């Protein structure tokens, strides 16, 4: 968002990614991974129907103290 449109995300407090498996299908994973570089501190909610091991990269890089809830 920031890189494509020049939007400042420093005041963002909550980032929600819905339908996250869509990002993996269409190779948009890198775009979402770069987004936290422009956010100082916020909470993330990621919704997906299937868990992908690439989510572990998010957890390691910017989603500290994350929890997985399975239904």
PDB file of N, CA and C in Angstrom:
ATOM      1  N   UNK A   1       0.840  -1.190   0.000  1.00  0.00           N
ATOM      2  CA  UNK A   1       0.000   0.000   0.000  1.00  0.00           C
ATOM      3  C   UNK A   1       0.879   1.245   0.000  1.00  0.00           C
ATOM      4  N   UNK A   2       1.825   1.258   0.907  1.00  0.00           N
ATOM      5  CA  UNK A   2       2.688   2.429   0.992  1.00  0.00           C
ATOM      6  C   UNK A   2       3.544   2.567  -0.262  1.00  0.00           C
ATOM      7  N   UNK A   3       4.105   1.469  -0.733  1.00  0.00           N
ATOM      8  CA  UNK A   3       5.018   1.537  -1.864  1.00  0.00           C
ATOM      9  C   UNK A   3       4.302   1.859  -3.169  1.00  0.00           C
ATOM     10  N   UNK A   4       3.083   1.359  -3.313  1.00  0.00           N
ATOM     11  CA  UNK A   4       2.359   1.588  -4.554  1.00  0.00           C
ATOM     12  C   UNK A   4       1.690   2.957  -4.608  1.00  0.00           C
ATOM     13  N   UNK A   5       1.165   3.415  -3.457  1.00  0.00           N
ATOM     14  CA  UNK A   5       0.374   4.649  -3.454  1.00  0.00           C
ATOM     15  C   UNK A   5       0.954   5.765  -2.595  1.00  0.00           C
ATOM     16  N   UNK A   6       2.043   5.511  -1.900  1.00  0.00           N
ATOM     17  CA  UNK A   6       2.652   6.531  -1.060  1.00  0.00           C
ATOM     18  C   UNK A   6       1.837   6.869   0.168  1.00  0.00           C
ATOM     19  N   UNK A   7       1.059   5.919   0.687  1.00  0.00           N
ATOM     20  CA  UNK A   7       0.220   6.152   1.860  1.00  0.00           C
ATOM     21  C   UNK A   7       1.044   5.892   3.122  1.00  0.00           C
ATOM     22  N   UNK A   8       0.986   6.813   4.066  1.00  0.00           N
ATOM     23  CA  UNK A   8       1.699   6.677   5.325  1.00  0.00           C
ATOM     24  C   UNK A   8       0.862   5.841   6.290  1.00  0.00           C
ATOM     25  N   UNK A   9       1.423   4.738   6.763  1.00  0.00           N
ATOM     26  CA  UNK A   9       0.690   3.820   7.638  1.00  0.00           C
ATOM     27  C   UNK A   9       1.167   3.862   9.083  1.00  0.00           C
ATOM     28  N   UNK A  10       1.899   4.895   9.475  1.00  0.00           N
ATOM     29  CA  UNK A  10       2.463   4.961  10.827  1.00  0.00           C
ATOM     30  C   UNK A  10       1.409   4.956  11.928  1.00  0.00           C
ATOM     31  N   UNK A  11       0.222   5.468  11.670  1.00  0.00           N
ATOM     32  CA  UNK A  11      -0.812   5.542  12.697  1.00  0.00           C
ATOM     33  C   UNK A  11      -1.755   4.349  12.691  1.00  0.00           C
ATOM     34  N   UNK A  12      -1.482   3.383  11.841  1.00  0.00           N
ATOM     35  CA  UNK A  12      -2.334   2.192  11.761  1.00  0.00           C
ATOM     36  C   UNK A  12      -2.234   1.392  13.060  1.00  0.00           C
ATOM     37  N   UNK A  13      -3.381   1.003  13.622  1.00  0.00           N
ATOM     38  CA  UNK A  13      -3.395   0.258  14.872  1.00  0.00           C
ATOM     39  C   UNK A  13      -3.825  -1.191  14.680  1.00  0.00           C
ATOM     40  N   UNK A  14      -4.553  -1.480  13.602  1.00  0.00           N
ATOM     41  CA  UNK A  14      -5.043  -2.828  13.360  1.00  0.00           C
ATOM     42  C   UNK A  14      -4.963  -3.127  11.869  1.00  0.00           C
ATOM     43  N   UNK A  15      -4.324  -4.223  11.519  1.00  0.00           N
ATOM     44  CA  UNK A  15      -4.200  -4.634  10.121  1.00  0.00           C
ATOM     45  C   UNK A  15      -4.876  -5.993   9.978  1.00  0.00           C
ATOM     46  N   UNK A  16      -5.900  -6.072   9.130  1.00  0.00           N
ATOM     47  CA  UNK A  16      -6.656  -7.312   8.945  1.00  0.00           C
ATOM     48  C   UNK A  16      -6.430  -7.826   7.533  1.00  0.00           C
ATOM     49  N   UNK A  17      -6.027  -9.087   7.432  1.00  0.00           N
ATOM     50  CA  UNK A  17      -5.859  -9.746   6.143  1.00  0.00           C
ATOM     51  C   UNK A  17      -6.909 -10.843   6.074  1.00  0.00           C
ATOM     52  N   UNK A  18      -7.899 -10.640   5.225  1.00  0.00           N
ATOM     53  CA  UNK A  18      -8.957 -11.629   5.054  1.00  0.00           C
ATOM     54  C   UNK A  18      -8.680 -12.428   3.783  1.00  0.00           C
ATOM     55  N   UNK A  19      -8.997 -13.709   3.824  1.00  0.00           N
ATOM     56  CA  UNK A  19      -8.782 -14.590   2.672  1.00  0.00           C
ATOM     57  C   UNK A  19      -7.297 -14.648   2.310  1.00  0.00           C
ATOM     58  N   UNK A  20      -6.472 -14.940   3.310  1.00  0.00           N
ATOM     59  CA  UNK A  20      -5.017 -14.900   3.136  1.00  0.00           C
ATOM     60  C   UNK A  20      -4.522 -15.933   2.130  1.00  0.00           C
ATOM     61  N   UNK A  21      -5.236 -17.036   1.958  1.00  0.00           N
ATOM     62  CA  UNK A  21      -4.769 -18.026   0.977  1.00  0.00           C
ATOM     63  C   UNK A  21      -4.800 -17.462  -0.443  1.00  0.00           C
ATOM     64  N   UNK A  22      -5.615 -16.445  -0.675  1.00  0.00           N
ATOM     65  CA  UNK A  22      -5.631 -15.763  -1.966  1.00  0.00           C
ATOM     66  C   UNK A  22      -4.266 -15.134  -2.266  1.00  0.00           C
ATOM     67  N   UNK A  23      -3.614 -14.612  -1.229  1.00  0.00           N
ATOM     68  CA  UNK A  23      -2.307 -13.992  -1.413  1.00  0.00           C
ATOM     69  C   UNK A  23      -1.272 -14.992  -1.901  1.00  0.00           C
ATOM     70  N   UNK A  24      -1.386 -16.220  -1.437  1.00  0.00           N
ATOM     71  CA  UNK A  24      -0.419 -17.240  -1.835  1.00  0.00           C
ATOM     72  C   UNK A  24      -0.694 -17.755  -3.240  1.00  0.00           C
ATOM     73  N   UNK A  25      -1.947 -17.812  -3.616  1.00  0.00           N
ATOM     74  CA  UNK A  25      -2.294 -18.288  -4.956  1.00  0.00           C
ATOM     75  C   UNK A  25      -1.805 -17.339  -6.034  1.00  0.00           C
ATOM     76  N   UNK A  26      -1.894 -16.058  -5.780  1.00  0.00           N
ATOM     77  CA  UNK A  26      -1.581 -15.057  -6.795  1.00  0.00           C
ATOM     78  C   UNK A  26      -0.244 -14.359  -6.566  1.00  0.00           C
ATOM     79  N   UNK A  27       0.599 -14.938  -5.714  1.00  0.00           N
ATOM     80  CA  UNK A  27       1.941 -14.414  -5.458  1.00  0.00           C
ATOM     81  C   UNK A  27       1.955 -12.964  -4.968  1.00  0.00           C
ATOM     82  N   UNK A  28       0.986 -12.598  -4.131  1.00  0.00           N
ATOM     83  CA  UNK A  28       0.965 -11.272  -3.519  1.00  0.00           C
ATOM     84  C   UNK A  28       1.558 -11.308  -2.114  1.00  0.00           C
ATOM     85  N   UNK A  29       2.144 -12.446  -1.759  1.00  0.00           N
ATOM     86  CA  UNK A  29       2.704 -12.634  -0.419  1.00  0.00           C
ATOM     87  C   UNK A  29       3.761 -11.580  -0.104  1.00  0.00           C
ATOM     88  N   UNK A  30       4.635 -11.288  -1.058  1.00  0.00           N
ATOM     89  CA  UNK A  30       5.726 -10.332  -0.829  1.00  0.00           C
ATOM     90  C   UNK A  30       5.196  -8.932  -0.552  1.00  0.00           C
ATOM     91  N   UNK A  31       4.100  -8.548  -1.201  1.00  0.00           N
ATOM     92  CA  UNK A  31       3.533  -7.219  -0.989  1.00  0.00           C
ATOM     93  C   UNK A  31       3.052  -7.045   0.440  1.00  0.00           C
ATOM     94  N   UNK A  32       2.390  -8.060   0.974  1.00  0.00           N
ATOM     95  CA  UNK A  32       1.907  -7.973   2.353  1.00  0.00           C
ATOM     96  C   UNK A  32       3.076  -8.057   3.326  1.00  0.00           C
ATOM     97  N   UNK A  33       4.084  -8.810   3.004  1.00  0.00           N
ATOM     98  CA  UNK A  33       5.246  -8.941   3.870  1.00  0.00           C
ATOM     99  C   UNK A  33       5.997  -7.620   3.986  1.00  0.00           C
ATOM    100  N   UNK A  34       6.004  -6.807   2.937  1.00  0.00           N
ATOM    101  CA  UNK A  34       6.686  -5.511   2.971  1.00  0.00           C
ATOM    102  C   UNK A  34       5.885  -4.441   3.707  1.00  0.00           C
ATOM    103  N   UNK A  35       4.590  -4.615   3.848  1.00  0.00           N
ATOM    104  CA  UNK A  35       3.736  -3.602   4.476  1.00  0.00           C
ATOM    105  C   UNK A  35       4.163  -3.256   5.902  1.00  0.00           C
ATOM    106  N   UNK A  36       4.508  -4.225   6.767  1.00  0.00           N
ATOM    107  CA  UNK A  36       4.907  -3.855   8.138  1.00  0.00           C
ATOM    108  C   UNK A  36       6.146  -2.979   8.217  1.00  0.00           C
ATOM    109  N   UNK A  37       6.915  -2.889   7.148  1.00  0.00           N
ATOM    110  CA  UNK A  37       8.079  -2.008   7.150  1.00  0.00           C
ATOM    111  C   UNK A  37       7.661  -0.552   7.337  1.00  0.00           C
ATOM    112  N   UNK A  38       6.431  -0.205   6.967  1.00  0.00           N
ATOM    113  CA  UNK A  38       5.959   1.173   7.078  1.00  0.00           C
ATOM    114  C   UNK A  38       5.037   1.387   8.270  1.00  0.00           C
ATOM    115  N   UNK A  39       4.871   0.360   9.107  1.00  0.00           N
ATOM    116  CA  UNK A  39       3.986   0.450  10.269  1.00  0.00           C
ATOM    117  C   UNK A  39       4.847   0.361  11.521  1.00  0.00           C
ATOM    118  N   UNK A  40       4.690   1.334  12.415  1.00  0.00           N
ATOM    119  CA  UNK A  40       5.528   1.327  13.616  1.00  0.00           C
ATOM    120  C   UNK A  40       5.111   0.211  14.582  1.00  0.00           C
ATOM    121  N   UNK A  41       3.834   0.112  14.920  1.00  0.00           N
ATOM    122  CA  UNK A  41       3.368  -0.939  15.829  1.00  0.00           C
ATOM    123  C   UNK A  41       1.864  -1.081  15.661  1.00  0.00           C
ATOM    124  N   UNK A  42       1.401  -2.311  15.433  1.00  0.00           N
ATOM    125  CA  UNK A  42      -0.035  -2.542  15.336  1.00  0.00           C
ATOM    126  C   UNK A  42      -0.336  -4.013  15.586  1.00  0.00           C
ATOM    127  N   UNK A  43      -1.614  -4.322  15.665  1.00  0.00           N
ATOM    128  CA  UNK A  43      -2.063  -5.703  15.814  1.00  0.00           C
ATOM    129  C   UNK A  43      -2.470  -6.233  14.449  1.00  0.00           C
ATOM    130  N   UNK A  44      -2.251  -7.527  14.232  1.00  0.00           N
ATOM    131  CA  UNK A  44      -2.588  -8.153  12.958  1.00  0.00           C
ATOM    132  C   UNK A  44      -3.592  -9.276  13.193  1.00  0.00           C
ATOM    133  N   UNK A  45      -4.583  -9.331  12.326  1.00  0.00           N
ATOM    134  CA  UNK A  45      -5.518 -10.445  12.283  1.00  0.00           C
ATOM    135  C   UNK A  45      -5.453 -11.024  10.880  1.00  0.00           C
ATOM    136  N   UNK A  46      -5.171 -12.316  10.792  1.00  0.00           N
ATOM    137  CA  UNK A  46      -5.064 -12.968   9.493  1.00  0.00           C
ATOM    138  C   UNK A  46      -6.075 -14.103   9.477  1.00  0.00           C
ATOM    139  N   UNK A  47      -6.992 -14.056   8.508  1.00  0.00           N
ATOM    140  CA  UNK A  47      -8.020 -15.082   8.372  1.00  0.00           C
ATOM    141  C   UNK A  47      -7.735 -15.920   7.135  1.00  0.00           C
ATOM    142  N   UNK A  48      -7.820 -17.225   7.291  1.00  0.00           N
ATOM    143  CA  UNK A  48      -7.595 -18.128   6.175  1.00  0.00           C
ATOM    144  C   UNK A  48      -8.323 -19.441   6.431  1.00  0.00           C
ATOM    145  N   UNK A  49      -8.684 -20.123   5.373  1.00  0.00           N
ATOM    146  CA  UNK A  49      -9.321 -21.435   5.538  1.00  0.00           C
ATOM    147  C   UNK A  49      -8.302 -22.554   5.570  1.00  0.00           C
ATOM    148  N   UNK A  50      -7.105 -22.300   5.005  1.00  0.00           N
ATOM    149  CA  UNK A  50      -6.035 -23.291   5.025  1.00  0.00           C
ATOM    150  C   UNK A  50      -4.760 -22.645   5.545  1.00  0.00           C
ATOM    151  N   UNK A  51      -4.061 -23.368   6.412  1.00  0.00           N
ATOM    152  CA  UNK A  51      -2.799 -22.860   6.929  1.00  0.00           C
ATOM    153  C   UNK A  51      -1.684 -23.182   5.943  1.00  0.00           C
ATOM    154  N   UNK A  52      -0.869 -22.198   5.664  1.00  0.00           N
ATOM    155  CA  UNK A  52       0.268 -22.363   4.763  1.00  0.00           C
ATOM    156  C   UNK A  52       1.537 -22.140   5.580  1.00  0.00           C
ATOM    157  N   UNK A  53       2.564 -22.905   5.318  1.00  0.00           N
ATOM    158  CA  UNK A  53       3.796 -22.762   6.087  1.00  0.00           C
ATOM    159  C   UNK A  53       4.443 -21.392   5.903  1.00  0.00           C
ATOM    160  N   UNK A  54       4.086 -20.677   4.860  1.00  0.00           N
ATOM    161  CA  UNK A  54       4.636 -19.328   4.659  1.00  0.00           C
ATOM    162  C   UNK A  54       4.144 -18.346   5.720  1.00  0.00           C
ATOM    163  N   UNK A  55       3.052 -18.693   6.408  1.00  0.00           N
ATOM    164  CA  UNK A  55       2.616 -17.853   7.526  1.00  0.00           C
ATOM    165  C   UNK A  55       3.683 -17.822   8.621  1.00  0.00           C
ATOM    166  N   UNK A  56       4.464 -18.884   8.729  1.00  0.00           N
ATOM    167  CA  UNK A  56       5.525 -18.912   9.733  1.00  0.00           C
ATOM    168  C   UNK A  56       6.531 -17.795   9.506  1.00  0.00           C
ATOM    169  N   UNK A  57       6.754 -17.415   8.266  1.00  0.00           N
ATOM    170  CA  UNK A  57       7.661 -16.290   7.977  1.00  0.00           C
ATOM    171  C   UNK A  57       7.110 -14.997   8.548  1.00  0.00           C
ATOM    172  N   UNK A  58       5.786 -14.817   8.438  1.00  0.00           N
ATOM    173  CA  UNK A  58       5.158 -13.626   9.023  1.00  0.00           C
ATOM    174  C   UNK A  58       5.328 -13.632  10.528  1.00  0.00           C
ATOM    175  N   UNK A  59       5.080 -14.782  11.119  1.00  0.00           N
ATOM    176  CA  UNK A  59       5.185 -14.888  12.566  1.00  0.00           C
ATOM    177  C   UNK A  59       6.595 -14.567  13.030  1.00  0.00           C
ATOM    178  N   UNK A  60       7.589 -15.018  12.288  1.00  0.00           N
ATOM    179  CA  UNK A  60       8.980 -14.784  12.667  1.00  0.00           C
ATOM    180  C   UNK A  60       9.425 -13.351  12.409  1.00  0.00           C
ATOM    181  N   UNK A  61       8.887 -12.724  11.380  1.00  0.00           N
ATOM    182  CA  UNK A  61       9.389 -11.401  11.010  1.00  0.00           C
ATOM    183  C   UNK A  61       8.666 -10.236  11.686  1.00  0.00           C
ATOM    184  N   UNK A  62       7.326 -10.305  11.830  1.00  0.00           N
ATOM    185  CA  UNK A  62       6.647  -9.137  12.405  1.00  0.00           C
ATOM    186  C   UNK A  62       5.439  -9.449  13.263  1.00  0.00           C
ATOM    187  N   UNK A  63       5.024 -10.688  13.369  1.00  0.00           N
ATOM    188  CA  UNK A  63       3.843 -11.014  14.181  1.00  0.00           C
ATOM    189  C   UNK A  63       4.294 -11.692  15.477  1.00  0.00           C
ATOM    190  N   UNK A  64       4.879 -10.896  16.361  1.00  0.00           N
ATOM    191  CA  UNK A  64       5.416 -11.414  17.612  1.00  0.00           C
ATOM    192  C   UNK A  64       4.281 -11.799  18.549  1.00  0.00           C
ATOM    193  N   UNK A  65       4.500 -12.819  19.364  1.00  0.00           N
ATOM    194  CA  UNK A  65       3.522 -13.318  20.329  1.00  0.00           C
ATOM    195  C   UNK A  65       2.214 -13.718  19.639  1.00  0.00           C
ATOM    196  N   UNK A  66       2.305 -14.254  18.453  1.00  0.00           N
ATOM    197  CA  UNK A  66       1.090 -14.607  17.710  1.00  0.00           C
ATOM    198  C   UNK A  66       0.493 -15.907  18.239  1.00  0.00           C
ATOM    199  N   UNK A  67      -0.788 -16.050  17.999  1.00  0.00           N
ATOM    200  CA  UNK A  67      -1.529 -17.243  18.398  1.00  0.00           C
ATOM    201  C   UNK A  67      -2.351 -17.718  17.216  1.00  0.00           C
ATOM    202  N   UNK A  68      -2.500 -19.033  17.122  1.00  0.00           N
ATOM    203  CA  UNK A  68      -3.327 -19.620  16.059  1.00  0.00           C
ATOM    204  C   UNK A  68      -4.593 -20.165  16.703  1.00  0.00           C
ATOM    205  N   UNK A  69      -5.724 -19.773  16.129  1.00  0.00           N
ATOM    206  CA  UNK A  69      -7.029 -20.237  16.603  1.00  0.00           C
ATOM    207  C   UNK A  69      -7.631 -21.085  15.490  1.00  0.00           C
ATOM    208  N   UNK A  70      -7.932 -22.319  15.804  1.00  0.00           N
ATOM    209  CA  UNK A  70      -8.530 -23.215  14.804  1.00  0.00           C
ATOM    210  C   UNK A  70      -9.983 -23.491  15.170  1.00  0.00           C
ATOM    211  N   UNK A  71     -10.833 -23.461  14.164  1.00  0.00           N
ATOM    212  CA  UNK A  71     -12.262 -23.756  14.374  1.00  0.00           C
ATOM    213  C   UNK A  71     -12.638 -24.990  13.592  1.00  0.00           C
TER     214      UNK A  71
END
